[in-house]
N, C-alpha and C. Protein backbone atom coordinates (compact mmCIF):
# COMPACT_ATOMS: atom_id res chain seq x y z
N GLN A 1 6.74 -7.74 -9.31
CA GLN A 1 6.88 -6.33 -9.62
C GLN A 1 5.54 -5.79 -10.13
N VAL A 2 5.08 -4.72 -9.52
CA VAL A 2 3.81 -4.11 -9.90
C VAL A 2 4.05 -3.15 -11.07
N GLN A 3 3.15 -3.20 -12.03
CA GLN A 3 3.19 -2.25 -13.14
C GLN A 3 1.92 -1.41 -13.14
N LEU A 4 2.10 -0.12 -13.32
CA LEU A 4 0.99 0.83 -13.42
C LEU A 4 1.10 1.52 -14.76
N VAL A 5 0.04 1.47 -15.55
CA VAL A 5 0.06 2.06 -16.88
C VAL A 5 -1.04 3.10 -16.99
N GLU A 6 -0.63 4.37 -17.14
CA GLU A 6 -1.61 5.45 -17.26
C GLU A 6 -1.97 5.68 -18.72
N SER A 7 -3.16 6.20 -18.92
CA SER A 7 -3.62 6.60 -20.25
C SER A 7 -4.70 7.65 -20.08
N GLY A 8 -5.02 8.32 -21.19
CA GLY A 8 -6.12 9.27 -21.17
C GLY A 8 -5.74 10.73 -21.18
N GLY A 9 -4.44 11.01 -21.10
CA GLY A 9 -4.03 12.40 -21.14
C GLY A 9 -4.20 13.00 -22.53
N GLY A 10 -4.01 14.31 -22.62
CA GLY A 10 -4.13 14.97 -23.92
C GLY A 10 -4.23 16.46 -23.78
N LEU A 11 -4.61 17.09 -24.87
CA LEU A 11 -4.79 18.54 -24.93
C LEU A 11 -6.27 18.86 -24.91
N VAL A 12 -6.66 19.78 -24.03
CA VAL A 12 -8.07 20.15 -23.91
C VAL A 12 -8.15 21.64 -23.61
N GLN A 13 -9.24 22.25 -24.02
CA GLN A 13 -9.45 23.66 -23.72
C GLN A 13 -9.94 23.85 -22.30
N ALA A 14 -9.68 25.01 -21.76
CA ALA A 14 -10.17 25.32 -20.41
C ALA A 14 -11.69 25.11 -20.36
N GLY A 15 -12.12 24.49 -19.25
CA GLY A 15 -13.53 24.17 -19.10
C GLY A 15 -13.89 22.78 -19.58
N GLY A 16 -12.96 22.14 -20.26
CA GLY A 16 -13.20 20.81 -20.78
C GLY A 16 -12.96 19.72 -19.76
N SER A 17 -13.08 18.46 -20.22
CA SER A 17 -12.94 17.30 -19.34
C SER A 17 -12.02 16.26 -19.95
N LEU A 18 -11.39 15.51 -19.08
CA LEU A 18 -10.61 14.34 -19.45
C LEU A 18 -10.79 13.27 -18.39
N ARG A 19 -10.62 12.01 -18.78
CA ARG A 19 -10.62 10.92 -17.82
C ARG A 19 -9.32 10.15 -17.96
N LEU A 20 -8.57 10.12 -16.89
CA LEU A 20 -7.34 9.35 -16.86
C LEU A 20 -7.61 7.95 -16.31
N SER A 21 -6.88 6.98 -16.83
CA SER A 21 -7.00 5.61 -16.36
C SER A 21 -5.63 5.11 -15.91
N CYS A 22 -5.63 4.28 -14.88
CA CYS A 22 -4.41 3.65 -14.39
C CYS A 22 -4.69 2.16 -14.25
N ALA A 23 -4.12 1.38 -15.14
CA ALA A 23 -4.30 -0.07 -15.11
C ALA A 23 -3.17 -0.69 -14.31
N ALA A 24 -3.53 -1.44 -13.28
CA ALA A 24 -2.54 -2.07 -12.41
C ALA A 24 -2.38 -3.54 -12.76
N SER A 25 -1.17 -4.05 -12.55
CA SER A 25 -0.93 -5.47 -12.85
C SER A 25 -1.46 -6.38 -11.76
N GLY A 26 -1.83 -5.79 -10.61
CA GLY A 26 -2.43 -6.56 -9.53
C GLY A 26 -3.76 -5.98 -9.14
N SER A 27 -4.43 -6.62 -8.20
CA SER A 27 -5.73 -6.13 -7.75
C SER A 27 -5.58 -4.79 -7.04
N VAL A 28 -6.45 -3.84 -7.41
CA VAL A 28 -6.34 -2.51 -6.82
C VAL A 28 -6.67 -2.50 -5.33
N VAL A 29 -7.37 -3.50 -4.85
CA VAL A 29 -7.68 -3.54 -3.42
C VAL A 29 -6.57 -4.21 -2.62
N SER A 30 -5.54 -4.70 -3.31
CA SER A 30 -4.40 -5.28 -2.59
C SER A 30 -3.45 -4.19 -2.11
N PHE A 31 -3.63 -2.97 -2.60
CA PHE A 31 -2.79 -1.85 -2.17
C PHE A 31 -3.47 -1.09 -1.03
N ASN A 32 -2.68 -0.51 -0.18
CA ASN A 32 -3.24 0.27 0.92
C ASN A 32 -3.93 1.52 0.38
N VAL A 33 -3.25 2.18 -0.52
CA VAL A 33 -3.78 3.40 -1.13
C VAL A 33 -3.32 3.46 -2.59
N MET A 34 -4.19 3.91 -3.45
CA MET A 34 -3.79 4.26 -4.81
C MET A 34 -4.17 5.71 -5.03
N GLY A 35 -3.39 6.36 -5.88
CA GLY A 35 -3.67 7.77 -6.07
C GLY A 35 -3.09 8.34 -7.34
N TRP A 36 -3.44 9.59 -7.54
CA TRP A 36 -2.94 10.37 -8.66
C TRP A 36 -2.15 11.55 -8.11
N TYR A 37 -0.99 11.77 -8.72
CA TYR A 37 -0.15 12.92 -8.42
C TYR A 37 0.12 13.65 -9.72
N ARG A 38 0.58 14.88 -9.63
CA ARG A 38 0.93 15.61 -10.84
C ARG A 38 2.17 16.45 -10.60
N GLN A 39 2.88 16.72 -11.69
CA GLN A 39 4.07 17.54 -11.62
C GLN A 39 4.10 18.48 -12.81
N ALA A 40 4.03 19.76 -12.51
CA ALA A 40 4.11 20.79 -13.54
C ALA A 40 5.58 21.19 -13.72
N PRO A 41 5.94 21.75 -14.88
CA PRO A 41 7.33 22.15 -15.11
C PRO A 41 7.85 23.09 -14.02
N GLY A 42 9.00 22.77 -13.47
CA GLY A 42 9.60 23.61 -12.46
C GLY A 42 9.00 23.51 -11.08
N LYS A 43 8.04 22.60 -10.92
CA LYS A 43 7.38 22.45 -9.62
C LYS A 43 7.56 21.05 -9.08
N GLN A 44 7.33 20.90 -7.78
CA GLN A 44 7.41 19.59 -7.16
C GLN A 44 6.16 18.77 -7.47
N ARG A 45 6.33 17.47 -7.42
CA ARG A 45 5.19 16.58 -7.60
C ARG A 45 4.23 16.78 -6.41
N GLU A 46 2.94 16.86 -6.72
CA GLU A 46 1.95 17.09 -5.67
C GLU A 46 0.81 16.09 -5.76
N LEU A 47 0.21 15.84 -4.61
CA LEU A 47 -0.92 14.93 -4.55
C LEU A 47 -2.15 15.57 -5.19
N VAL A 48 -2.87 14.77 -5.95
CA VAL A 48 -4.13 15.23 -6.54
C VAL A 48 -5.31 14.56 -5.84
N ALA A 49 -5.29 13.23 -5.80
CA ALA A 49 -6.39 12.48 -5.19
C ALA A 49 -5.92 11.08 -4.84
N THR A 50 -6.53 10.52 -3.79
CA THR A 50 -6.22 9.15 -3.41
C THR A 50 -7.50 8.39 -3.10
N ILE A 51 -7.39 7.06 -3.18
CA ILE A 51 -8.49 6.19 -2.80
C ILE A 51 -7.91 5.02 -2.03
N SER A 52 -8.49 4.72 -0.88
CA SER A 52 -7.95 3.68 -0.02
C SER A 52 -8.57 2.32 -0.36
N THR A 53 -8.04 1.29 0.28
CA THR A 53 -8.58 -0.05 0.08
C THR A 53 -10.08 -0.09 0.37
N GLY A 54 -10.49 0.63 1.40
CA GLY A 54 -11.90 0.65 1.79
C GLY A 54 -12.76 1.57 0.95
N GLY A 55 -12.13 2.31 0.05
CA GLY A 55 -12.90 3.18 -0.83
C GLY A 55 -12.95 4.64 -0.40
N SER A 56 -12.31 4.98 0.70
CA SER A 56 -12.28 6.38 1.13
C SER A 56 -11.44 7.20 0.16
N THR A 57 -11.90 8.41 -0.11
CA THR A 57 -11.20 9.27 -1.06
C THR A 57 -10.70 10.54 -0.39
N ASN A 58 -9.68 11.12 -1.00
CA ASN A 58 -9.08 12.35 -0.49
C ASN A 58 -8.63 13.17 -1.68
N TYR A 59 -8.82 14.49 -1.59
CA TYR A 59 -8.51 15.37 -2.72
C TYR A 59 -7.70 16.58 -2.27
N ALA A 60 -6.86 17.05 -3.17
CA ALA A 60 -6.21 18.34 -2.94
C ALA A 60 -7.27 19.43 -3.02
N ASP A 61 -7.10 20.48 -2.24
CA ASP A 61 -8.07 21.56 -2.22
C ASP A 61 -8.28 22.14 -3.61
N SER A 62 -7.23 22.19 -4.40
CA SER A 62 -7.29 22.82 -5.71
C SER A 62 -8.17 22.08 -6.71
N VAL A 63 -8.49 20.82 -6.44
CA VAL A 63 -9.29 20.04 -7.39
C VAL A 63 -10.63 19.60 -6.82
N LYS A 64 -10.88 19.89 -5.55
CA LYS A 64 -12.15 19.48 -4.94
C LYS A 64 -13.32 20.06 -5.71
N GLY A 65 -14.31 19.22 -5.97
CA GLY A 65 -15.49 19.65 -6.70
C GLY A 65 -15.34 19.57 -8.21
N ARG A 66 -14.12 19.35 -8.69
CA ARG A 66 -13.87 19.25 -10.13
C ARG A 66 -13.38 17.87 -10.55
N PHE A 67 -12.58 17.24 -9.70
CA PHE A 67 -12.01 15.93 -10.02
C PHE A 67 -12.66 14.86 -9.15
N THR A 68 -12.76 13.65 -9.72
CA THR A 68 -13.29 12.51 -8.98
C THR A 68 -12.42 11.29 -9.23
N ILE A 69 -11.96 10.68 -8.15
CA ILE A 69 -11.20 9.44 -8.26
C ILE A 69 -12.14 8.27 -8.02
N SER A 70 -11.98 7.22 -8.81
CA SER A 70 -12.82 6.04 -8.65
C SER A 70 -12.02 4.82 -9.09
N ARG A 71 -12.63 3.65 -8.93
CA ARG A 71 -11.92 2.43 -9.31
C ARG A 71 -12.91 1.40 -9.84
N ASP A 72 -12.40 0.53 -10.69
CA ASP A 72 -13.15 -0.63 -11.17
C ASP A 72 -12.34 -1.85 -10.72
N ILE A 73 -12.80 -2.48 -9.67
CA ILE A 73 -12.01 -3.57 -9.07
C ILE A 73 -11.82 -4.73 -10.02
N PRO A 74 -12.86 -5.21 -10.71
CA PRO A 74 -12.63 -6.34 -11.63
C PRO A 74 -11.63 -6.02 -12.74
N LYS A 75 -11.56 -4.75 -13.12
CA LYS A 75 -10.63 -4.36 -14.19
C LYS A 75 -9.27 -3.92 -13.66
N ASN A 76 -9.10 -3.94 -12.34
CA ASN A 76 -7.82 -3.51 -11.73
C ASN A 76 -7.42 -2.12 -12.22
N THR A 77 -8.38 -1.23 -12.27
CA THR A 77 -8.14 0.10 -12.84
C THR A 77 -8.67 1.19 -11.91
N VAL A 78 -7.88 2.24 -11.80
CA VAL A 78 -8.28 3.44 -11.06
C VAL A 78 -8.42 4.57 -12.07
N TYR A 79 -9.43 5.40 -11.88
CA TYR A 79 -9.71 6.49 -12.80
C TYR A 79 -9.61 7.84 -12.11
N LEU A 80 -9.36 8.86 -12.91
CA LEU A 80 -9.45 10.23 -12.43
C LEU A 80 -10.27 11.02 -13.46
N GLN A 81 -11.49 11.31 -13.09
CA GLN A 81 -12.36 12.14 -13.94
C GLN A 81 -12.08 13.59 -13.62
N MET A 82 -11.69 14.34 -14.63
CA MET A 82 -11.32 15.74 -14.44
C MET A 82 -12.27 16.62 -15.23
N ASN A 83 -13.04 17.43 -14.55
CA ASN A 83 -14.00 18.34 -15.18
C ASN A 83 -13.59 19.78 -14.92
N ASN A 84 -14.14 20.66 -15.74
CA ASN A 84 -13.86 22.09 -15.60
C ASN A 84 -12.35 22.35 -15.47
N LEU A 85 -11.61 21.79 -16.39
CA LEU A 85 -10.16 21.90 -16.33
C LEU A 85 -9.70 23.34 -16.51
N LYS A 86 -8.61 23.67 -15.83
CA LYS A 86 -8.04 25.01 -15.87
C LYS A 86 -6.59 24.92 -16.38
N PRO A 87 -6.09 26.00 -16.93
CA PRO A 87 -4.69 25.99 -17.40
C PRO A 87 -3.70 25.55 -16.32
N GLU A 88 -3.99 25.90 -15.07
CA GLU A 88 -3.08 25.52 -13.98
C GLU A 88 -3.13 24.03 -13.66
N ASP A 89 -4.03 23.28 -14.30
CA ASP A 89 -4.04 21.83 -14.15
C ASP A 89 -3.04 21.15 -15.09
N THR A 90 -2.43 21.93 -15.96
CA THR A 90 -1.45 21.38 -16.89
C THR A 90 -0.28 20.78 -16.14
N ALA A 91 0.01 19.52 -16.42
CA ALA A 91 1.08 18.80 -15.72
C ALA A 91 1.18 17.39 -16.28
N VAL A 92 2.22 16.70 -15.86
CA VAL A 92 2.29 15.25 -16.08
C VAL A 92 1.62 14.60 -14.87
N TYR A 93 0.66 13.74 -15.14
CA TYR A 93 -0.09 13.07 -14.09
C TYR A 93 0.44 11.64 -13.92
N TYR A 94 0.71 11.29 -12.67
CA TYR A 94 1.28 9.98 -12.35
C TYR A 94 0.34 9.20 -11.45
N CYS A 95 0.25 7.91 -11.72
CA CYS A 95 -0.49 7.00 -10.85
C CYS A 95 0.48 6.42 -9.82
N ASN A 96 0.01 6.25 -8.62
CA ASN A 96 0.83 5.71 -7.54
C ASN A 96 0.06 4.64 -6.80
N ALA A 97 0.78 3.62 -6.37
CA ALA A 97 0.18 2.59 -5.52
C ALA A 97 1.16 2.28 -4.41
N ASN A 98 0.65 2.12 -3.20
CA ASN A 98 1.55 1.78 -2.11
C ASN A 98 0.90 0.77 -1.17
N THR A 99 1.76 0.07 -0.45
CA THR A 99 1.30 -0.93 0.50
C THR A 99 1.42 -0.40 1.92
N ILE A 100 0.82 -1.10 2.85
CA ILE A 100 0.85 -0.68 4.25
C ILE A 100 2.26 -0.74 4.82
N LYS A 101 3.14 -1.51 4.15
CA LYS A 101 4.53 -1.59 4.60
C LYS A 101 5.40 -0.49 4.00
N GLY A 102 4.79 0.40 3.22
CA GLY A 102 5.53 1.52 2.68
C GLY A 102 6.19 1.28 1.35
N VAL A 103 5.94 0.16 0.74
CA VAL A 103 6.46 -0.10 -0.60
C VAL A 103 5.54 0.59 -1.60
N TYR A 104 6.11 1.27 -2.59
CA TYR A 104 5.27 2.00 -3.53
C TYR A 104 5.82 1.89 -4.95
N TRP A 105 4.92 2.16 -5.89
CA TRP A 105 5.25 2.12 -7.31
C TRP A 105 4.65 3.35 -8.01
N TRP A 106 5.28 3.74 -9.11
CA TRP A 106 4.80 4.84 -9.93
C TRP A 106 4.58 4.36 -11.36
N GLY A 107 3.61 4.95 -12.02
CA GLY A 107 3.45 4.75 -13.44
C GLY A 107 4.40 5.68 -14.20
N GLN A 108 4.35 5.61 -15.52
CA GLN A 108 5.27 6.38 -16.35
C GLN A 108 4.80 7.82 -16.57
N GLY A 109 3.55 8.09 -16.25
CA GLY A 109 3.02 9.44 -16.38
C GLY A 109 2.29 9.66 -17.69
N THR A 110 1.32 10.57 -17.66
CA THR A 110 0.60 10.95 -18.86
C THR A 110 0.42 12.48 -18.85
N GLN A 111 0.68 13.11 -19.98
CA GLN A 111 0.66 14.56 -20.06
C GLN A 111 -0.76 15.07 -20.21
N VAL A 112 -1.11 16.06 -19.40
CA VAL A 112 -2.37 16.77 -19.53
C VAL A 112 -2.04 18.24 -19.79
N THR A 113 -2.56 18.78 -20.88
CA THR A 113 -2.32 20.17 -21.23
C THR A 113 -3.66 20.87 -21.41
N VAL A 114 -3.86 21.94 -20.68
CA VAL A 114 -5.11 22.70 -20.74
C VAL A 114 -4.80 24.07 -21.31
N SER A 115 -5.40 24.37 -22.45
CA SER A 115 -5.16 25.66 -23.09
C SER A 115 -6.22 26.67 -22.66
N SER A 116 -5.80 27.93 -22.60
CA SER A 116 -6.72 28.99 -22.16
C SER A 116 -7.50 29.57 -23.32
């Protein structure tokens, strides 16, 4: 059973920065894709950013140029650096990992709140 543990959320003013971490119980390169999703109150969960086994990254249009996904393979950790945060970035952020066979796991989520 894979475990994903997020950390790094909190309260920040608009224009500020946060770095989220997702520690995986297995090697991050053993997954086909790892990523970050978010869910704001009353809204559906949406993709924020992903990183593939080969290191290719993908971002939602709303965060391009502000957020960066990266990984530390020896530490089995994926990061989401969030800069120039906006109130509309407020949400619970979830880490996700999936395999090429379609098996996936979610972390417990970490709250990010951006005040105006």
